[in-house]
């Protein structure tokens, strides 16, 4: 596991193939409990190509000098991301 928030990643490889390709990362909060949002793509074995961009928000807890993932929320499509953005913008404007 990572020792700093900057070292955290969701990129995952198996047998030399990157199955989860991290495209970007935004640190939302730092500290003993950190929140990180990632943009990524999954490898589609049938099509032998990466799928459309997806997003995930992960919460990490730092214990004994290392970060451990405690929870995650996956945003499975750009449309779902847009709906979340619209809801947040509406609530913030109130």
PDB file of N, CA and C in Angstrom:
ATOM      1  N   UNK A   1       0.835  -1.180   0.000  1.00  0.00           N
ATOM      2  CA  UNK A   1       0.000   0.000   0.000  1.00  0.00           C
ATOM      3  C   UNK A   1       0.884   1.249   0.000  1.00  0.00           C
ATOM      4  N   UNK A   2       0.293   2.373  -0.277  1.00  0.00           N
ATOM      5  CA  UNK A   2       1.025   3.628  -0.419  1.00  0.00           C
ATOM      6  C   UNK A   2       1.261   4.319   0.920  1.00  0.00           C
ATOM      7  N   UNK A   3       2.350   5.058   0.986  1.00  0.00           N
ATOM      8  CA  UNK A   3       2.682   5.822   2.197  1.00  0.00           C
ATOM      9  C   UNK A   3       2.196   7.264   2.120  1.00  0.00           C
ATOM     10  N   UNK A   4       1.989   7.787   0.888  1.00  0.00           N
ATOM     11  CA  UNK A   4       1.473   9.150   0.711  1.00  0.00           C
ATOM     12  C   UNK A   4       0.278   9.112  -0.235  1.00  0.00           C
ATOM     13  N   UNK A   5      -0.564  10.133  -0.155  1.00  0.00           N
ATOM     14  CA  UNK A   5      -1.724  10.223  -1.042  1.00  0.00           C
ATOM     15  C   UNK A   5      -1.272  10.266  -2.500  1.00  0.00           C
ATOM     16  N   UNK A   6      -0.156  10.931  -2.753  1.00  0.00           N
ATOM     17  CA  UNK A   6       0.342  11.043  -4.124  1.00  0.00           C
ATOM     18  C   UNK A   6       0.749   9.697  -4.707  1.00  0.00           C
ATOM     19  N   UNK A   7       1.075   8.730  -3.857  1.00  0.00           N
ATOM     20  CA  UNK A   7       1.467   7.393  -4.322  1.00  0.00           C
ATOM     21  C   UNK A   7       0.273   6.488  -4.611  1.00  0.00           C
ATOM     22  N   UNK A   8      -0.929   6.872  -4.196  1.00  0.00           N
ATOM     23  CA  UNK A   8      -2.105   6.035  -4.417  1.00  0.00           C
ATOM     24  C   UNK A   8      -2.435   5.946  -5.896  1.00  0.00           C
ATOM     25  N   UNK A   9      -2.867   4.757  -6.327  1.00  0.00           N
ATOM     26  CA  UNK A   9      -3.222   4.525  -7.724  1.00  0.00           C
ATOM     27  C   UNK A   9      -4.208   3.365  -7.799  1.00  0.00           C
ATOM     28  N   UNK A  10      -5.035   3.366  -8.844  1.00  0.00           N
ATOM     29  CA  UNK A  10      -5.923   2.232  -9.069  1.00  0.00           C
ATOM     30  C   UNK A  10      -5.485   1.405 -10.277  1.00  0.00           C
ATOM     31  N   UNK A  11      -4.377   1.812 -10.910  1.00  0.00           N
ATOM     32  CA  UNK A  11      -3.897   1.052 -12.067  1.00  0.00           C
ATOM     33  C   UNK A  11      -3.601  -0.382 -11.639  1.00  0.00           C
ATOM     34  N   UNK A  12      -4.037  -1.338 -12.463  1.00  0.00           N
ATOM     35  CA  UNK A  12      -3.899  -2.750 -12.115  1.00  0.00           C
ATOM     36  C   UNK A  12      -3.493  -3.536 -13.352  1.00  0.00           C
ATOM     37  N   UNK A  13      -2.448  -4.346 -13.198  1.00  0.00           N
ATOM     38  CA  UNK A  13      -1.946  -5.186 -14.294  1.00  0.00           C
ATOM     39  C   UNK A  13      -1.975  -6.644 -13.874  1.00  0.00           C
ATOM     40  N   UNK A  14      -2.140  -7.502 -14.880  1.00  0.00           N
ATOM     41  CA  UNK A  14      -2.111  -8.939 -14.664  1.00  0.00           C
ATOM     42  C   UNK A  14      -1.487  -9.574 -15.899  1.00  0.00           C
ATOM     43  N   UNK A  15      -0.480 -10.404 -15.686  1.00  0.00           N
ATOM     44  CA  UNK A  15       0.223 -11.079 -16.788  1.00  0.00           C
ATOM     45  C   UNK A  15       0.720 -10.091 -17.842  1.00  0.00           C
ATOM     46  N   UNK A  16       1.205  -8.928 -17.402  1.00  0.00           N
ATOM     47  CA  UNK A  16       1.766  -7.941 -18.314  1.00  0.00           C
ATOM     48  C   UNK A  16       0.747  -7.059 -19.017  1.00  0.00           C
ATOM     49  N   UNK A  17      -0.549  -7.289 -18.789  1.00  0.00           N
ATOM     50  CA  UNK A  17      -1.606  -6.492 -19.419  1.00  0.00           C
ATOM     51  C   UNK A  17      -2.217  -5.565 -18.373  1.00  0.00           C
ATOM     52  N   UNK A  18      -2.276  -4.273 -18.695  1.00  0.00           N
ATOM     53  CA  UNK A  18      -2.924  -3.315 -17.799  1.00  0.00           C
ATOM     54  C   UNK A  18      -4.435  -3.496 -17.949  1.00  0.00           C
ATOM     55  N   UNK A  19      -5.077  -3.978 -16.892  1.00  0.00           N
ATOM     56  CA  UNK A  19      -6.518  -4.233 -16.925  1.00  0.00           C
ATOM     57  C   UNK A  19      -7.328  -3.018 -16.486  1.00  0.00           C
ATOM     58  N   UNK A  20      -6.771  -2.217 -15.602  1.00  0.00           N
ATOM     59  CA  UNK A  20      -7.380  -0.952 -15.184  1.00  0.00           C
ATOM     60  C   UNK A  20      -6.333   0.126 -15.428  1.00  0.00           C
ATOM     61  N   UNK A  21      -6.613   0.981 -16.407  1.00  0.00           N
ATOM     62  CA  UNK A  21      -5.668   2.039 -16.778  1.00  0.00           C
ATOM     63  C   UNK A  21      -6.141   3.354 -16.164  1.00  0.00           C
ATOM     64  N   UNK A  22      -5.327   3.898 -15.263  1.00  0.00           N
ATOM     65  CA  UNK A  22      -5.638   5.172 -14.628  1.00  0.00           C
ATOM     66  C   UNK A  22      -5.318   6.299 -15.599  1.00  0.00           C
ATOM     67  N   UNK A  23      -6.314   7.140 -15.878  1.00  0.00           N
ATOM     68  CA  UNK A  23      -6.140   8.255 -16.801  1.00  0.00           C
ATOM     69  C   UNK A  23      -5.843   9.568 -16.083  1.00  0.00           C
ATOM     70  N   UNK A  24      -6.423   9.734 -14.893  1.00  0.00           N
ATOM     71  CA  UNK A  24      -6.212  10.970 -14.138  1.00  0.00           C
ATOM     72  C   UNK A  24      -6.589  10.715 -12.687  1.00  0.00           C
ATOM     73  N   UNK A  25      -6.173  11.635 -11.825  1.00  0.00           N
ATOM     74  CA  UNK A  25      -6.437  11.510 -10.395  1.00  0.00           C
ATOM     75  C   UNK A  25      -6.546  12.901  -9.797  1.00  0.00           C
ATOM     76  N   UNK A  26      -7.535  13.102  -8.936  1.00  0.00           N
ATOM     77  CA  UNK A  26      -7.714  14.353  -8.205  1.00  0.00           C
ATOM     78  C   UNK A  26      -7.838  14.018  -6.726  1.00  0.00           C
ATOM     79  N   UNK A  27      -6.974  14.601  -5.919  1.00  0.00           N
ATOM     80  CA  UNK A  27      -7.044  14.417  -4.472  1.00  0.00           C
ATOM     81  C   UNK A  27      -8.047  15.439  -3.941  1.00  0.00           C
ATOM     82  N   UNK A  28      -9.139  14.955  -3.344  1.00  0.00           N
ATOM     83  CA  UNK A  28     -10.187  15.832  -2.838  1.00  0.00           C
ATOM     84  C   UNK A  28      -9.925  16.253  -1.396  1.00  0.00           C
ATOM     85  N   UNK A  29      -9.410  15.334  -0.575  1.00  0.00           N
ATOM     86  CA  UNK A  29      -9.031  15.655   0.801  1.00  0.00           C
ATOM     87  C   UNK A  29      -7.798  14.847   1.173  1.00  0.00           C
ATOM     88  N   UNK A  30      -6.987  15.442   2.048  1.00  0.00           N
ATOM     89  CA  UNK A  30      -5.791  14.760   2.553  1.00  0.00           C
ATOM     90  C   UNK A  30      -5.885  14.674   4.066  1.00  0.00           C
ATOM     91  N   UNK A  31      -5.198  13.691   4.624  1.00  0.00           N
ATOM     92  CA  UNK A  31      -5.154  13.544   6.073  1.00  0.00           C
ATOM     93  C   UNK A  31      -5.248  12.083   6.452  1.00  0.00           C
ATOM     94  N   UNK A  32      -5.622  11.836   7.712  1.00  0.00           N
ATOM     95  CA  UNK A  32      -5.770  10.460   8.176  1.00  0.00           C
ATOM     96  C   UNK A  32      -6.843   9.735   7.371  1.00  0.00           C
ATOM     97  N   UNK A  33      -7.862  10.482   6.959  1.00  0.00           N
ATOM     98  CA  UNK A  33      -8.871   9.978   6.024  1.00  0.00           C
ATOM     99  C   UNK A  33      -8.763  10.831   4.766  1.00  0.00           C
ATOM    100  N   UNK A  34      -8.414  10.205   3.657  1.00  0.00           N
ATOM    101  CA  UNK A  34      -8.236  10.929   2.394  1.00  0.00           C
ATOM    102  C   UNK A  34      -9.256  10.452   1.370  1.00  0.00           C
ATOM    103  N   UNK A  35      -9.662  11.371   0.502  1.00  0.00           N
ATOM    104  CA  UNK A  35     -10.621  11.066  -0.555  1.00  0.00           C
ATOM    105  C   UNK A  35      -9.971  11.394  -1.891  1.00  0.00           C
ATOM    106  N   UNK A  36     -10.017  10.432  -2.808  1.00  0.00           N
ATOM    107  CA  UNK A  36      -9.383  10.589  -4.112  1.00  0.00           C
ATOM    108  C   UNK A  36     -10.381  10.185  -5.193  1.00  0.00           C
ATOM    109  N   UNK A  37     -10.439  10.973  -6.267  1.00  0.00           N
ATOM    110  CA  UNK A  37     -11.291  10.661  -7.405  1.00  0.00           C
ATOM    111  C   UNK A  37     -10.388  10.314  -8.588  1.00  0.00           C
ATOM    112  N   UNK A  38     -10.730   9.230  -9.267  1.00  0.00           N
ATOM    113  CA  UNK A  38      -9.936   8.755 -10.395  1.00  0.00           C
ATOM    114  C   UNK A  38     -10.780   8.697 -11.667  1.00  0.00           C
ATOM    115  N   UNK A  39     -10.125   8.943 -12.785  1.00  0.00           N
ATOM    116  CA  UNK A  39     -10.682   8.682 -14.109  1.00  0.00           C
ATOM    117  C   UNK A  39      -9.899   7.490 -14.638  1.00  0.00           C
ATOM    118  N   UNK A  40     -10.614   6.467 -15.161  1.00  0.00           N
ATOM    119  CA  UNK A  40      -9.929   5.250 -15.589  1.00  0.00           C
ATOM    120  C   UNK A  40     -10.668   4.562 -16.733  1.00  0.00           C
ATOM    121  N   UNK A  41     -10.013   3.550 -17.294  1.00  0.00           N
ATOM    122  CA  UNK A  41     -10.618   2.691 -18.310  1.00  0.00           C
ATOM    123  C   UNK A  41     -10.313   1.241 -17.960  1.00  0.00           C
ATOM    124  N   UNK A  42     -11.308   0.374 -18.211  1.00  0.00           N
ATOM    125  CA  UNK A  42     -11.134  -1.059 -18.039  1.00  0.00           C
ATOM    126  C   UNK A  42     -10.772  -1.697 -19.377  1.00  0.00           C
ATOM    127  N   UNK A  43      -9.925  -2.723 -19.333  1.00  0.00           N
ATOM    128  CA  UNK A  43      -9.563  -3.489 -20.522  1.00  0.00           C
ATOM    129  C   UNK A  43     -10.685  -4.481 -20.828  1.00  0.00           C
ATOM    130  N   UNK A  44     -11.190  -4.461 -22.052  1.00  0.00           N
ATOM    131  CA  UNK A  44     -12.218  -5.400 -22.512  1.00  0.00           C
ATOM    132  C   UNK A  44     -11.513  -6.545 -23.222  1.00  0.00           C
ATOM    133  N   UNK A  45     -11.478  -7.703 -22.589  1.00  0.00           N
ATOM    134  CA  UNK A  45     -10.752  -8.849 -23.144  1.00  0.00           C
ATOM    135  C   UNK A  45     -11.352  -9.323 -24.464  1.00  0.00           C
ATOM    136  N   UNK A  46     -12.675  -9.274 -24.589  1.00  0.00           N
ATOM    137  CA  UNK A  46     -13.318  -9.733 -25.826  1.00  0.00           C
ATOM    138  C   UNK A  46     -12.977  -8.838 -27.011  1.00  0.00           C
ATOM    139  N   UNK A  47     -13.019  -7.530 -26.798  1.00  0.00           N
ATOM    140  CA  UNK A  47     -12.741  -6.587 -27.880  1.00  0.00           C
ATOM    141  C   UNK A  47     -11.254  -6.280 -28.019  1.00  0.00           C
ATOM    142  N   UNK A  48     -10.484  -6.664 -27.004  1.00  0.00           N
ATOM    143  CA  UNK A  48      -9.049  -6.372 -26.958  1.00  0.00           C
ATOM    144  C   UNK A  48      -8.771  -4.874 -27.113  1.00  0.00           C
ATOM    145  N   UNK A  49      -9.522  -4.091 -26.331  1.00  0.00           N
ATOM    146  CA  UNK A  49      -9.330  -2.640 -26.299  1.00  0.00           C
ATOM    147  C   UNK A  49      -9.901  -2.101 -24.991  1.00  0.00           C
ATOM    148  N   UNK A  50      -9.552  -0.867 -24.687  1.00  0.00           N
ATOM    149  CA  UNK A  50     -10.070  -0.237 -23.476  1.00  0.00           C
ATOM    150  C   UNK A  50     -11.474   0.293 -23.734  1.00  0.00           C
ATOM    151  N   UNK A  51     -12.301   0.194 -22.709  1.00  0.00           N
ATOM    152  CA  UNK A  51     -13.667   0.692 -22.785  1.00  0.00           C
ATOM    153  C   UNK A  51     -13.716   2.191 -22.565  1.00  0.00           C
ATOM    154  N   UNK A  52     -14.923   2.716 -22.472  1.00  0.00           N
ATOM    155  CA  UNK A  52     -15.092   4.160 -22.277  1.00  0.00           C
ATOM    156  C   UNK A  52     -14.610   4.583 -20.886  1.00  0.00           C
ATOM    157  N   UNK A  53     -14.307   5.860 -20.726  1.00  0.00           N
ATOM    158  CA  UNK A  53     -13.868   6.344 -19.419  1.00  0.00           C
ATOM    159  C   UNK A  53     -14.932   6.131 -18.345  1.00  0.00           C
ATOM    160  N   UNK A  54     -14.450   5.793 -17.160  1.00  0.00           N
ATOM    161  CA  UNK A  54     -15.292   5.662 -15.973  1.00  0.00           C
ATOM    162  C   UNK A  54     -14.630   6.467 -14.865  1.00  0.00           C
ATOM    163  N   UNK A  55     -15.330   6.586 -13.753  1.00  0.00           N
ATOM    164  CA  UNK A  55     -14.835   7.385 -12.649  1.00  0.00           C
ATOM    165  C   UNK A  55     -15.099   6.645 -11.348  1.00  0.00           C
ATOM    166  N   UNK A  56     -14.251   6.867 -10.369  1.00  0.00           N
ATOM    167  CA  UNK A  56     -14.457   6.267  -9.060  1.00  0.00           C
ATOM    168  C   UNK A  56     -13.962   7.219  -7.992  1.00  0.00           C
ATOM    169  N   UNK A  57     -14.659   7.230  -6.871  1.00  0.00           N
ATOM    170  CA  UNK A  57     -14.257   8.010  -5.706  1.00  0.00           C
ATOM    171  C   UNK A  57     -13.900   7.005  -4.622  1.00  0.00           C
ATOM    172  N   UNK A  58     -12.707   7.135  -4.075  1.00  0.00           N
ATOM    173  CA  UNK A  58     -12.230   6.186  -3.067  1.00  0.00           C
ATOM    174  C   UNK A  58     -11.842   6.919  -1.783  1.00  0.00           C
ATOM    175  N   UNK A  59     -12.171   6.288  -0.663  1.00  0.00           N
ATOM    176  CA  UNK A  59     -11.792   6.800   0.663  1.00  0.00           C
ATOM    177  C   UNK A  59     -10.720   5.887   1.220  1.00  0.00           C
ATOM    178  N   UNK A  60      -9.684   6.507   1.733  1.00  0.00           N
ATOM    179  CA  UNK A  60      -8.556   5.775   2.310  1.00  0.00           C
ATOM    180  C   UNK A  60      -8.351   6.212   3.752  1.00  0.00           C
ATOM    181  N   UNK A  61      -7.939   5.259   4.580  1.00  0.00           N
ATOM    182  CA  UNK A  61      -7.566   5.566   5.960  1.00  0.00           C
ATOM    183  C   UNK A  61      -6.082   5.274   6.120  1.00  0.00           C
ATOM    184  N   UNK A  62      -5.373   6.199   6.757  1.00  0.00           N
ATOM    185  CA  UNK A  62      -3.947   5.998   6.993  1.00  0.00           C
ATOM    186  C   UNK A  62      -3.777   5.365   8.371  1.00  0.00           C
ATOM    187  N   UNK A  63      -3.149   4.182   8.374  1.00  0.00           N
ATOM    188  CA  UNK A  63      -2.851   3.460   9.611  1.00  0.00           C
ATOM    189  C   UNK A  63      -1.438   2.939   9.537  1.00  0.00           C
ATOM    190  N   UNK A  64      -0.697   3.119  10.605  1.00  0.00           N
ATOM    191  CA  UNK A  64       0.687   2.643  10.671  1.00  0.00           C
ATOM    192  C   UNK A  64       1.523   3.137   9.488  1.00  0.00           C
ATOM    193  N   UNK A  65       1.276   4.381   9.058  1.00  0.00           N
ATOM    194  CA  UNK A  65       2.066   4.987   7.995  1.00  0.00           C
ATOM    195  C   UNK A  65       1.689   4.579   6.584  1.00  0.00           C
ATOM    196  N   UNK A  66       0.605   3.809   6.416  1.00  0.00           N
ATOM    197  CA  UNK A  66       0.183   3.377   5.078  1.00  0.00           C
ATOM    198  C   UNK A  66      -1.305   3.632   4.881  1.00  0.00           C
ATOM    199  N   UNK A  67      -1.688   3.908   3.634  1.00  0.00           N
ATOM    200  CA  UNK A  67      -3.091   4.136   3.291  1.00  0.00           C
ATOM    201  C   UNK A  67      -3.750   2.823   2.895  1.00  0.00           C
ATOM    202  N   UNK A  68      -4.951   2.604   3.442  1.00  0.00           N
ATOM    203  CA  UNK A  68      -5.745   1.424   3.123  1.00  0.00           C
ATOM    204  C   UNK A  68      -7.104   1.888   2.624  1.00  0.00           C
ATOM    205  N   UNK A  69      -7.557   1.302   1.498  1.00  0.00           N
ATOM    206  CA  UNK A  69      -8.860   1.672   0.960  1.00  0.00           C
ATOM    207  C   UNK A  69      -9.950   1.178   1.902  1.00  0.00           C
ATOM    208  N   UNK A  70     -10.887   2.064   2.218  1.00  0.00           N
ATOM    209  CA  UNK A  70     -11.989   1.721   3.114  1.00  0.00           C
ATOM    210  C   UNK A  70     -13.330   1.671   2.395  1.00  0.00           C
ATOM    211  N   UNK A  71     -13.501   2.483   1.353  1.00  0.00           N
ATOM    212  CA  UNK A  71     -14.759   2.467   0.616  1.00  0.00           C
ATOM    213  C   UNK A  71     -14.536   3.031  -0.775  1.00  0.00           C
ATOM    214  N   UNK A  72     -15.503   2.743  -1.655  1.00  0.00           N
ATOM    215  CA  UNK A  72     -15.420   3.289  -3.011  1.00  0.00           C
ATOM    216  C   UNK A  72     -16.820   3.439  -3.574  1.00  0.00           C
ATOM    217  N   UNK A  73     -16.935   4.362  -4.515  1.00  0.00           N
ATOM    218  CA  UNK A  73     -18.169   4.565  -5.264  1.00  0.00           C
ATOM    219  C   UNK A  73     -17.776   4.683  -6.726  1.00  0.00           C
ATOM    220  N   UNK A  74     -18.301   3.795  -7.560  1.00  0.00           N
ATOM    221  CA  UNK A  74     -17.986   3.807  -8.985  1.00  0.00           C
ATOM    222  C   UNK A  74     -19.066   4.546  -9.753  1.00  0.00           C
ATOM    223  N   UNK A  75     -18.628   5.405 -10.659  1.00  0.00           N
ATOM    224  CA  UNK A  75     -19.509   6.118 -11.581  1.00  0.00           C
ATOM    225  C   UNK A  75     -19.271   5.460 -12.932  1.00  0.00           C
ATOM    226  N   UNK A  76     -20.278   4.744 -13.415  1.00  0.00           N
ATOM    227  CA  UNK A  76     -20.065   3.814 -14.517  1.00  0.00           C
ATOM    228  C   UNK A  76     -20.124   4.421 -15.918  1.00  0.00           C
ATOM    229  N   UNK A  77     -20.518   5.685 -16.029  1.00  0.00           N
ATOM    230  CA  UNK A  77     -20.605   6.277 -17.374  1.00  0.00           C
ATOM    231  C   UNK A  77     -20.505   7.793 -17.287  1.00  0.00           C
ATOM    232  N   UNK A  78     -20.235   8.402 -18.422  1.00  0.00           N
ATOM    233  CA  UNK A  78     -20.199   9.856 -18.509  1.00  0.00           C
ATOM    234  C   UNK A  78     -21.585  10.426 -18.212  1.00  0.00           C
ATOM    235  N   UNK A  79     -22.648   9.747 -18.688  1.00  0.00           N
ATOM    236  CA  UNK A  79     -24.014  10.220 -18.413  1.00  0.00           C
ATOM    237  C   UNK A  79     -24.316  10.240 -16.922  1.00  0.00           C
ATOM    238  N   UNK A  80     -23.913   9.196 -16.210  1.00  0.00           N
ATOM    239  CA  UNK A  80     -24.130   9.169 -14.771  1.00  0.00           C
ATOM    240  C   UNK A  80     -23.339  10.291 -14.091  1.00  0.00           C
ATOM    241  N   UNK A  81     -22.110  10.525 -14.545  1.00  0.00           N
ATOM    242  CA  UNK A  81     -21.290  11.619 -13.992  1.00  0.00           C
ATOM    243  C   UNK A  81     -21.976  12.959 -14.204  1.00  0.00           C
ATOM    244  N   UNK A  82     -22.539  13.177 -15.390  1.00  0.00           N
ATOM    245  CA  UNK A  82     -23.240  14.431 -15.677  1.00  0.00           C
ATOM    246  C   UNK A  82     -24.451  14.608 -14.775  1.00  0.00           C
ATOM    247  N   UNK A  83     -25.171  13.517 -14.495  1.00  0.00           N
ATOM    248  CA  UNK A  83     -26.333  13.590 -13.599  1.00  0.00           C
ATOM    249  C   UNK A  83     -25.914  13.939 -12.169  1.00  0.00           C
ATOM    250  N   UNK A  84     -24.806  13.394 -11.723  1.00  0.00           N
ATOM    251  CA  UNK A  84     -24.284  13.711 -10.390  1.00  0.00           C
ATOM    252  C   UNK A  84     -23.878  15.180 -10.325  1.00  0.00           C
ATOM    253  N   UNK A  85     -23.183  15.653 -11.361  1.00  0.00           N
ATOM    254  CA  UNK A  85     -22.770  17.055 -11.424  1.00  0.00           C
ATOM    255  C   UNK A  85     -23.999  17.970 -11.375  1.00  0.00           C
ATOM    256  N   UNK A  86     -25.017  17.649 -12.160  1.00  0.00           N
ATOM    257  CA  UNK A  86     -26.236  18.484 -12.200  1.00  0.00           C
ATOM    258  C   UNK A  86     -26.900  18.535 -10.833  1.00  0.00           C
ATOM    259  N   UNK A  87     -26.994  17.405 -10.149  1.00  0.00           N
ATOM    260  CA  UNK A  87     -27.604  17.381  -8.816  1.00  0.00           C
ATOM    261  C   UNK A  87     -26.792  18.214  -7.832  1.00  0.00           C
ATOM    262  N   UNK A  88     -25.476  18.079  -7.849  1.00  0.00           N
ATOM    263  CA  UNK A  88     -24.636  18.857  -6.941  1.00  0.00           C
ATOM    264  C   UNK A  88     -24.736  20.354  -7.226  1.00  0.00           C
ATOM    265  N   UNK A  89     -24.736  20.728  -8.507  1.00  0.00           N
ATOM    266  CA  UNK A  89     -24.846  22.148  -8.852  1.00  0.00           C
ATOM    267  C   UNK A  89     -26.185  22.715  -8.370  1.00  0.00           C
ATOM    268  N   UNK A  90     -27.259  21.940  -8.492  1.00  0.00           N
ATOM    269  CA  UNK A  90     -28.572  22.386  -8.027  1.00  0.00           C
ATOM    270  C   UNK A  90     -28.570  22.577  -6.515  1.00  0.00           C
ATOM    271  N   UNK A  91     -28.005  21.630  -5.780  1.00  0.00           N
ATOM    272  CA  UNK A  91     -27.985  21.716  -4.334  1.00  0.00           C
ATOM    273  C   UNK A  91     -27.090  22.858  -3.840  1.00  0.00           C
ATOM    274  N   UNK A  92     -25.978  23.067  -4.502  1.00  0.00           N
ATOM    275  CA  UNK A  92     -25.052  24.131  -4.099  1.00  0.00           C
ATOM    276  C   UNK A  92     -25.668  25.503  -4.332  1.00  0.00           C
ATOM    277  N   UNK A  93     -26.462  25.628  -5.389  1.00  0.00           N
ATOM    278  CA  UNK A  93     -27.095  26.905  -5.725  1.00  0.00           C
ATOM    279  C   UNK A  93     -28.209  27.295  -4.745  1.00  0.00           C
ATOM    280  N   UNK A  94     -28.740  26.328  -4.030  1.00  0.00           N
ATOM    281  CA  UNK A  94     -29.863  26.607  -3.109  1.00  0.00           C
ATOM    282  C   UNK A  94     -29.445  27.488  -1.952  1.00  0.00           C
TER     283      UNK A  94
END
